[in-house]
PDB file of all heavy atoms in Angstrom:
ATOM      1  N   GLY A   1     -14.753  29.762   6.335  1.00  0.00           N
ATOM      2  CA  GLY A   1     -14.377  29.144   5.067  1.00  0.00           C
ATOM      3  C   GLY A   1     -13.790  27.751   5.213  1.00  0.00           C
ATOM      4  O   GLY A   1     -14.366  26.880   5.876  1.00  0.00           O
ATOM      5  N   GLU A   2     -12.618  27.540   4.620  1.00  0.00           N
ATOM      6  CA  GLU A   2     -11.973  26.224   4.607  1.00  0.00           C
ATOM      7  C   GLU A   2     -11.594  25.732   6.002  1.00  0.00           C
ATOM      8  O   GLU A   2     -11.330  24.537   6.189  1.00  0.00           O
ATOM      9  CB  GLU A   2     -10.718  26.262   3.723  1.00  0.00           C
ATOM     10  CG  GLU A   2     -10.990  26.463   2.247  1.00  0.00           C
ATOM     11  CD  GLU A   2     -11.537  25.214   1.585  1.00  0.00           C
ATOM     12  OE1 GLU A   2     -11.669  24.178   2.273  1.00  0.00           O
ATOM     13  OE2 GLU A   2     -11.845  25.281   0.379  1.00  0.00           O
ATOM     14  N   GLU A   3     -11.549  26.627   6.968  1.00  0.00           N
ATOM     15  CA  GLU A   3     -11.165  26.244   8.325  1.00  0.00           C
ATOM     16  C   GLU A   3     -12.313  25.619   9.114  1.00  0.00           C
ATOM     17  O   GLU A   3     -12.116  25.162  10.242  1.00  0.00           O
ATOM     18  CB  GLU A   3     -10.630  27.468   9.081  1.00  0.00           C
ATOM     19  CG  GLU A   3      -9.369  28.053   8.472  1.00  0.00           C
ATOM     20  CD  GLU A   3      -8.234  27.047   8.461  1.00  0.00           C
ATOM     21  OE1 GLU A   3      -8.043  26.353   9.478  1.00  0.00           O
ATOM     22  OE2 GLU A   3      -7.548  26.936   7.423  1.00  0.00           O
ATOM     23  N   ALA A   4     -13.522  25.602   8.533  1.00  0.00           N
ATOM     24  CA  ALA A   4     -14.696  25.057   9.216  1.00  0.00           C
ATOM     25  C   ALA A   4     -15.130  23.755   8.574  1.00  0.00           C
ATOM     26  O   ALA A   4     -14.911  23.514   7.389  1.00  0.00           O
ATOM     27  CB  ALA A   4     -15.842  26.062   9.179  1.00  0.00           C
ATOM     28  N   ARG A   5     -15.769  22.900   9.364  1.00  0.00           N
ATOM     29  CA  ARG A   5     -16.359  21.669   8.875  1.00  0.00           C
ATOM     30  C   ARG A   5     -17.751  21.514   9.468  1.00  0.00           C
ATOM     31  O   ARG A   5     -17.990  21.834  10.630  1.00  0.00           O
ATOM     32  CB  ARG A   5     -15.505  20.436   9.260  1.00  0.00           C
ATOM     33  CG  ARG A   5     -14.202  20.301   8.520  1.00  0.00           C
ATOM     34  CD  ARG A   5     -14.410  19.943   7.060  1.00  0.00           C
ATOM     35  NE  ARG A   5     -13.153  19.648   6.386  1.00  0.00           N
ATOM     36  CZ  ARG A   5     -12.342  20.556   5.862  1.00  0.00           C
ATOM     37  NH1 ARG A   5     -12.663  21.839   5.952  1.00  0.00           N
ATOM     38  NH2 ARG A   5     -11.229  20.215   5.263  1.00  0.00           N
ATOM     39  N   ILE A   6     -18.681  20.979   8.641  1.00  0.00           N
ATOM     40  CA  ILE A   6     -20.033  20.684   9.098  1.00  0.00           C
ATOM     41  C   ILE A   6     -20.069  19.291   9.709  1.00  0.00           C
ATOM     42  O   ILE A   6     -19.543  18.331   9.125  1.00  0.00           O
ATOM     43  CB  ILE A   6     -21.038  20.763   7.936  1.00  0.00           C
ATOM     44  CG1 ILE A   6     -21.149  22.201   7.403  1.00  0.00           C
ATOM     45  CG2 ILE A   6     -22.406  20.234   8.345  1.00  0.00           C
ATOM     46  CD1 ILE A   6     -21.889  23.145   8.307  1.00  0.00           C
ATOM     47  N   LEU A   7     -20.689  19.157  10.875  1.00  0.00           N
ATOM     48  CA  LEU A   7     -20.887  17.861  11.523  1.00  0.00           C
ATOM     49  C   LEU A   7     -22.369  17.504  11.470  1.00  0.00           C
ATOM     50  O   LEU A   7     -23.208  18.213  12.019  1.00  0.00           O
ATOM     51  CB  LEU A   7     -20.419  17.908  12.978  1.00  0.00           C
ATOM     52  CG  LEU A   7     -20.720  16.659  13.812  1.00  0.00           C
ATOM     53  CD1 LEU A   7     -19.952  15.455  13.275  1.00  0.00           C
ATOM     54  CD2 LEU A   7     -20.376  16.901  15.282  1.00  0.00           C
ATOM     55  N   ALA A   8     -22.694  16.409  10.787  1.00  0.00           N
ATOM     56  CA  ALA A   8     -24.067  15.894  10.748  1.00  0.00           C
ATOM     57  C   ALA A   8     -24.056  14.512  11.396  1.00  0.00           C
ATOM     58  O   ALA A   8     -24.245  14.375  12.596  1.00  0.00           O
ATOM     59  CB  ALA A   8     -24.583  15.855   9.317  1.00  0.00           C
ATOM     60  N   GLY A   9     -23.794  13.472  10.602  1.00  0.00           N
ATOM     61  CA  GLY A   9     -23.659  12.142  11.180  1.00  0.00           C
ATOM     62  C   GLY A   9     -22.275  11.904  11.764  1.00  0.00           C
ATOM     63  O   GLY A   9     -22.102  11.249  12.787  1.00  0.00           O
ATOM     64  N   GLY A  10     -21.267  12.423  11.078  1.00  0.00           N
ATOM     65  CA  GLY A  10     -19.894  12.336  11.583  1.00  0.00           C
ATOM     66  C   GLY A  10     -19.222  10.995  11.396  1.00  0.00           C
ATOM     67  O   GLY A  10     -18.126  10.777  11.924  1.00  0.00           O
ATOM     68  N   GLN A  11     -19.832  10.069  10.643  1.00  0.00           N
ATOM     69  CA  GLN A  11     -19.269   8.731  10.544  1.00  0.00           C
ATOM     70  C   GLN A  11     -17.952   8.706   9.768  1.00  0.00           C
ATOM     71  O   GLN A  11     -17.096   7.863  10.018  1.00  0.00           O
ATOM     72  CB  GLN A  11     -20.284   7.784   9.891  1.00  0.00           C
ATOM     73  CG  GLN A  11     -21.564   7.630  10.680  1.00  0.00           C
ATOM     74  CD  GLN A  11     -21.304   7.240  12.127  1.00  0.00           C
ATOM     75  OE1 GLN A  11     -20.846   6.139  12.403  1.00  0.00           O
ATOM     76  NE2 GLN A  11     -21.575   8.146  13.054  1.00  0.00           N
ATOM     77  N   SER A  12     -17.780   9.612   8.838  1.00  0.00           N
ATOM     78  CA  SER A  12     -16.498   9.753   8.130  1.00  0.00           C
ATOM     79  C   SER A  12     -15.643  10.841   8.772  1.00  0.00           C
ATOM     80  O   SER A  12     -14.436  10.678   8.937  1.00  0.00           O
ATOM     81  CB  SER A  12     -16.730  10.082   6.652  1.00  0.00           C
ATOM     82  OG  SER A  12     -17.423   9.050   5.997  1.00  0.00           O
ATOM     83  N   LEU A  13     -16.284  11.946   9.130  1.00  0.00           N
ATOM     84  CA  LEU A  13     -15.540  13.089   9.656  1.00  0.00           C
ATOM     85  C   LEU A  13     -14.832  12.762  10.963  1.00  0.00           C
ATOM     86  O   LEU A  13     -13.673  13.170  11.163  1.00  0.00           O
ATOM     87  CB  LEU A  13     -16.486  14.274   9.849  1.00  0.00           C
ATOM     88  CG  LEU A  13     -15.866  15.550  10.420  1.00  0.00           C
ATOM     89  CD1 LEU A  13     -14.753  16.057   9.519  1.00  0.00           C
ATOM     90  CD2 LEU A  13     -16.933  16.618  10.627  1.00  0.00           C
ATOM     91  N   ALA A  14     -15.488  12.042  11.873  1.00  0.00           N
ATOM     92  CA  ALA A  14     -14.879  11.755  13.178  1.00  0.00           C
ATOM     93  C   ALA A  14     -13.590  10.964  13.016  1.00  0.00           C
ATOM     94  O   ALA A  14     -12.587  11.247  13.693  1.00  0.00           O
ATOM     95  CB  ALA A  14     -15.867  10.990  14.054  1.00  0.00           C
ATOM     96  N   ALA A  15     -13.590   9.992  12.122  1.00  0.00           N
ATOM     97  CA  ALA A  15     -12.373   9.208  11.893  1.00  0.00           C
ATOM     98  C   ALA A  15     -11.266  10.077  11.312  1.00  0.00           C
ATOM     99  O   ALA A  15     -10.088   9.954  11.701  1.00  0.00           O
ATOM    100  CB  ALA A  15     -12.675   8.042  10.954  1.00  0.00           C
ATOM    101  N   MET A  16     -11.620  10.960  10.392  1.00  0.00           N
ATOM    102  CA  MET A  16     -10.617  11.836   9.786  1.00  0.00           C
ATOM    103  C   MET A  16     -10.076  12.834  10.810  1.00  0.00           C
ATOM    104  O   MET A  16      -8.884  13.175  10.786  1.00  0.00           O
ATOM    105  CB  MET A  16     -11.218  12.562   8.592  1.00  0.00           C
ATOM    106  CG  MET A  16     -11.611  11.628   7.463  1.00  0.00           C
ATOM    107  SD  MET A  16     -12.369  12.476   6.067  1.00  0.00           S
ATOM    108  CE  MET A  16     -10.925  13.268   5.345  1.00  0.00           C
ATOM    109  N   LEU A  17     -10.935  13.290  11.723  1.00  0.00           N
ATOM    110  CA  LEU A  17     -10.468  14.169  12.789  1.00  0.00           C
ATOM    111  C   LEU A  17      -9.492  13.447  13.712  1.00  0.00           C
ATOM    112  O   LEU A  17      -8.434  13.985  14.069  1.00  0.00           O
ATOM    113  CB  LEU A  17     -11.657  14.683  13.606  1.00  0.00           C
ATOM    114  CG  LEU A  17     -12.578  15.716  12.950  1.00  0.00           C
ATOM    115  CD1 LEU A  17     -13.830  15.907  13.796  1.00  0.00           C
ATOM    116  CD2 LEU A  17     -11.863  17.037  12.750  1.00  0.00           C
ATOM    117  N   ASN A  18      -9.844  12.228  14.105  1.00  0.00           N
ATOM    118  CA  ASN A  18      -8.997  11.478  15.029  1.00  0.00           C
ATOM    119  C   ASN A  18      -7.639  11.138  14.421  1.00  0.00           C
ATOM    120  O   ASN A  18      -6.631  11.088  15.133  1.00  0.00           O
ATOM    121  CB  ASN A  18      -9.700  10.198  15.468  1.00  0.00           C
ATOM    122  CG  ASN A  18     -10.814  10.460  16.463  1.00  0.00           C
ATOM    123  OD1 ASN A  18     -10.818  11.489  17.139  1.00  0.00           O
ATOM    124  ND2 ASN A  18     -11.769   9.555  16.542  1.00  0.00           N
ATOM    125  N   MET A  19      -7.612  10.894  13.121  1.00  0.00           N
ATOM    126  CA  MET A  19      -6.337  10.607  12.445  1.00  0.00           C
ATOM    127  C   MET A  19      -5.624  11.880  12.013  1.00  0.00           C
ATOM    128  O   MET A  19      -4.545  11.834  11.438  1.00  0.00           O
ATOM    129  CB  MET A  19      -6.586   9.705  11.239  1.00  0.00           C
ATOM    130  CG  MET A  19      -7.001   8.296  11.599  1.00  0.00           C
ATOM    131  SD  MET A  19      -7.140   7.203  10.163  1.00  0.00           S
ATOM    132  CE  MET A  19      -8.685   7.785   9.445  1.00  0.00           C
ATOM    133  N   ARG A  20      -6.248  13.015  12.280  1.00  0.00           N
ATOM    134  CA  ARG A  20      -5.706  14.336  11.948  1.00  0.00           C
ATOM    135  C   ARG A  20      -5.463  14.496  10.448  1.00  0.00           C
ATOM    136  O   ARG A  20      -4.554  15.223  10.027  1.00  0.00           O
ATOM    137  CB  ARG A  20      -4.445  14.622  12.752  1.00  0.00           C
ATOM    138  CG  ARG A  20      -4.700  14.540  14.260  1.00  0.00           C
ATOM    139  CD  ARG A  20      -3.668  15.230  15.090  1.00  0.00           C
ATOM    140  NE  ARG A  20      -4.058  15.204  16.505  1.00  0.00           N
ATOM    141  CZ  ARG A  20      -3.436  15.882  17.454  1.00  0.00           C
ATOM    142  NH1 ARG A  20      -2.404  16.655  17.161  1.00  0.00           N
ATOM    143  NH2 ARG A  20      -3.848  15.800  18.716  1.00  0.00           N
ATOM    144  N   LEU A  21      -6.332  13.827   9.659  1.00  0.00           N
ATOM    145  CA  LEU A  21      -6.296  14.039   8.219  1.00  0.00           C
ATOM    146  C   LEU A  21      -6.928  15.383   7.872  1.00  0.00           C
ATOM    147  O   LEU A  21      -6.633  15.958   6.821  1.00  0.00           O
ATOM    148  CB  LEU A  21      -7.024  12.905   7.494  1.00  0.00           C
ATOM    149  CG  LEU A  21      -6.403  11.518   7.646  1.00  0.00           C
ATOM    150  CD1 LEU A  21      -7.295  10.464   7.008  1.00  0.00           C
ATOM    151  CD2 LEU A  21      -5.006  11.481   7.042  1.00  0.00           C
ATOM    152  N   VAL A  22      -7.843  15.855   8.723  1.00  0.00           N
ATOM    153  CA  VAL A  22      -8.378  17.217   8.625  1.00  0.00           C
ATOM    154  C   VAL A  22      -8.212  17.874   9.988  1.00  0.00           C
ATOM    155  O   VAL A  22      -8.319  17.219  11.026  1.00  0.00           O
ATOM    156  CB  VAL A  22      -9.861  17.226   8.187  1.00  0.00           C
ATOM    157  CG1 VAL A  22      -9.999  16.698   6.769  1.00  0.00           C
ATOM    158  CG2 VAL A  22     -10.725  16.422   9.137  1.00  0.00           C
ATOM    159  N   ARG A  23      -7.935  19.175   9.968  1.00  0.00           N
ATOM    160  CA  ARG A  23      -7.717  19.917  11.209  1.00  0.00           C
ATOM    161  C   ARG A  23      -8.485  21.232  11.178  1.00  0.00           C
ATOM    162  O   ARG A  23      -7.897  22.309  11.088  1.00  0.00           O
ATOM    163  CB  ARG A  23      -6.232  20.185  11.426  1.00  0.00           C
ATOM    164  CG  ARG A  23      -5.396  18.925  11.579  1.00  0.00           C
ATOM    165  CD  ARG A  23      -3.981  19.280  11.973  1.00  0.00           C
ATOM    166  NE  ARG A  23      -3.156  18.103  12.168  1.00  0.00           N
ATOM    167  CZ  ARG A  23      -2.023  18.076  12.851  1.00  0.00           C
ATOM    168  NH1 ARG A  23      -1.570  19.193  13.407  1.00  0.00           N
ATOM    169  NH2 ARG A  23      -1.332  16.965  12.967  1.00  0.00           N
ATOM    170  N   PRO A  24      -9.802  21.167  11.235  1.00  0.00           N
ATOM    171  CA  PRO A  24     -10.578  22.418  11.217  1.00  0.00           C
ATOM    172  C   PRO A  24     -10.371  23.201  12.504  1.00  0.00           C
ATOM    173  O   PRO A  24     -10.122  22.634  13.569  1.00  0.00           O
ATOM    174  CB  PRO A  24     -12.017  21.926  11.097  1.00  0.00           C
ATOM    175  CG  PRO A  24     -12.002  20.567  11.744  1.00  0.00           C
ATOM    176  CD  PRO A  24     -10.666  19.983  11.390  1.00  0.00           C
ATOM    177  N   THR A  25     -10.485  24.511  12.381  1.00  0.00           N
ATOM    178  CA  THR A  25     -10.454  25.337  13.594  1.00  0.00           C
ATOM    179  C   THR A  25     -11.841  25.485  14.195  1.00  0.00           C
ATOM    180  O   THR A  25     -11.980  25.890  15.345  1.00  0.00           O
ATOM    181  CB  THR A  25      -9.893  26.740  13.273  1.00  0.00           C
ATOM    182  OG1 THR A  25     -10.716  27.360  12.277  1.00  0.00           O
ATOM    183  CG2 THR A  25      -8.465  26.633  12.756  1.00  0.00           C
ATOM    184  N   LEU A  26     -12.877  25.141  13.386  1.00  0.00           N
ATOM    185  CA  LEU A  26     -14.256  25.235  13.865  1.00  0.00           C
ATOM    186  C   LEU A  26     -15.063  24.050  13.361  1.00  0.00           C
ATOM    187  O   LEU A  26     -15.031  23.726  12.177  1.00  0.00           O
ATOM    188  CB  LEU A  26     -14.912  26.531  13.376  1.00  0.00           C
ATOM    189  CG  LEU A  26     -16.399  26.708  13.705  1.00  0.00           C
ATOM    190  CD1 LEU A  26     -16.607  26.852  15.215  1.00  0.00           C
ATOM    191  CD2 LEU A  26     -16.996  27.891  12.969  1.00  0.00           C
ATOM    192  N   LEU A  27     -15.800  23.408  14.278  1.00  0.00           N
ATOM    193  CA  LEU A  27     -16.732  22.344  13.934  1.00  0.00           C
ATOM    194  C   LEU A  27     -18.148  22.871  14.144  1.00  0.00           C
ATOM    195  O   LEU A  27     -18.494  23.322  15.242  1.00  0.00           O
ATOM    196  CB  LEU A  27     -16.482  21.120  14.822  1.00  0.00           C
ATOM    197  CG  LEU A  27     -16.973  19.768  14.301  1.00  0.00           C
ATOM    198  CD1 LEU A  27     -16.296  19.414  12.992  1.00  0.00           C
ATOM    199  CD2 LEU A  27     -16.734  18.683  15.338  1.00  0.00           C
ATOM    200  N   ILE A  28     -18.969  22.823  13.079  1.00  0.00           N
ATOM    201  CA  ILE A  28     -20.333  23.356  13.126  1.00  0.00           C
ATOM    202  C   ILE A  28     -21.300  22.179  13.182  1.00  0.00           C
ATOM    203  O   ILE A  28     -21.520  21.487  12.192  1.00  0.00           O
ATOM    204  CB  ILE A  28     -20.627  24.239  11.890  1.00  0.00           C
ATOM    205  CG1 ILE A  28     -19.589  25.355  11.776  1.00  0.00           C
ATOM    206  CG2 ILE A  28     -22.038  24.808  11.975  1.00  0.00           C
ATOM    207  CD1 ILE A  28     -19.659  26.119  10.463  1.00  0.00           C
ATOM    208  N   ASP A  29     -21.890  21.946  14.331  1.00  0.00           N
ATOM    209  CA  ASP A  29     -22.790  20.815  14.571  1.00  0.00           C
ATOM    210  C   ASP A  29     -24.223  21.225  14.223  1.00  0.00           C
ATOM    211  O   ASP A  29     -24.837  22.026  14.929  1.00  0.00           O
ATOM    212  CB  ASP A  29     -22.692  20.394  16.038  1.00  0.00           C
ATOM    213  CG  ASP A  29     -23.522  19.168  16.368  1.00  0.00           C
ATOM    214  OD1 ASP A  29     -24.352  18.762  15.531  1.00  0.00           O
ATOM    215  OD2 ASP A  29     -23.348  18.617  17.473  1.00  0.00           O
ATOM    216  N   ILE A  30     -24.756  20.667  13.125  1.00  0.00           N
ATOM    217  CA  ILE A  30     -26.090  21.076  12.654  1.00  0.00           C
ATOM    218  C   ILE A  30     -27.198  20.152  13.160  1.00  0.00           C
ATOM    219  O   ILE A  30     -28.343  20.265  12.709  1.00  0.00           O
ATOM    220  CB  ILE A  30     -26.134  21.151  11.117  1.00  0.00           C
ATOM    221  CG1 ILE A  30     -25.890  19.763  10.487  1.00  0.00           C
ATOM    222  CG2 ILE A  30     -25.125  22.170  10.591  1.00  0.00           C
ATOM    223  CD1 ILE A  30     -26.127  19.721   8.985  1.00  0.00           C
ATOM    224  N   ASN A  31     -26.917  19.283  14.094  1.00  0.00           N
ATOM    225  CA  ASN A  31     -27.894  18.277  14.506  1.00  0.00           C
ATOM    226  C   ASN A  31     -29.112  18.861  15.213  1.00  0.00           C
ATOM    227  O   ASN A  31     -30.119  18.171  15.374  1.00  0.00           O
ATOM    228  CB  ASN A  31     -27.215  17.235  15.399  1.00  0.00           C
ATOM    229  CG  ASN A  31     -26.450  16.219  14.573  1.00  0.00           C
ATOM    230  OD1 ASN A  31     -27.023  15.269  14.053  1.00  0.00           O
ATOM    231  ND2 ASN A  31     -25.143  16.432  14.438  1.00  0.00           N
ATOM    232  N   ARG A  32     -29.058  20.108  15.624  1.00  0.00           N
ATOM    233  CA  ARG A  32     -30.214  20.742  16.264  1.00  0.00           C
ATOM    234  C   ARG A  32     -31.209  21.290  15.237  1.00  0.00           C
ATOM    235  O   ARG A  32     -32.336  21.666  15.590  1.00  0.00           O
ATOM    236  CB  ARG A  32     -29.725  21.868  17.183  1.00  0.00           C
ATOM    237  CG  ARG A  32     -30.802  22.520  18.021  1.00  0.00           C
ATOM    238  CD  ARG A  32     -30.197  23.550  18.948  1.00  0.00           C
ATOM    239  NE  ARG A  32     -29.485  22.911  20.053  1.00  0.00           N
ATOM    240  CZ  ARG A  32     -28.718  23.572  20.924  1.00  0.00           C
ATOM    241  NH1 ARG A  32     -28.551  24.876  20.806  1.00  0.00           N
ATOM    242  NH2 ARG A  32     -28.108  22.928  21.905  1.00  0.00           N
ATOM    243  N   LEU A  33     -30.848  21.307  13.975  1.00  0.00           N
ATOM    244  CA  LEU A  33     -31.651  21.959  12.946  1.00  0.00           C
ATOM    245  C   LEU A  33     -32.666  20.986  12.377  1.00  0.00           C
ATOM    246  O   LEU A  33     -32.458  20.360  11.338  1.00  0.00           O
ATOM    247  CB  LEU A  33     -30.740  22.523  11.847  1.00  0.00           C
ATOM    248  CG  LEU A  33     -29.595  23.418  12.347  1.00  0.00           C
ATOM    249  CD1 LEU A  33     -28.789  23.952  11.178  1.00  0.00           C
ATOM    250  CD2 LEU A  33     -30.138  24.551  13.215  1.00  0.00           C
TER     251      LEU A  33
END
């Protein structure tokens, strides 16, 4: 649920992760799909 985040391009998400604005417990990388 809310504890997961989807990673596609990551251009916004990566910055938010590094600044700890979001703290998911699971990152789901869909780039293989």
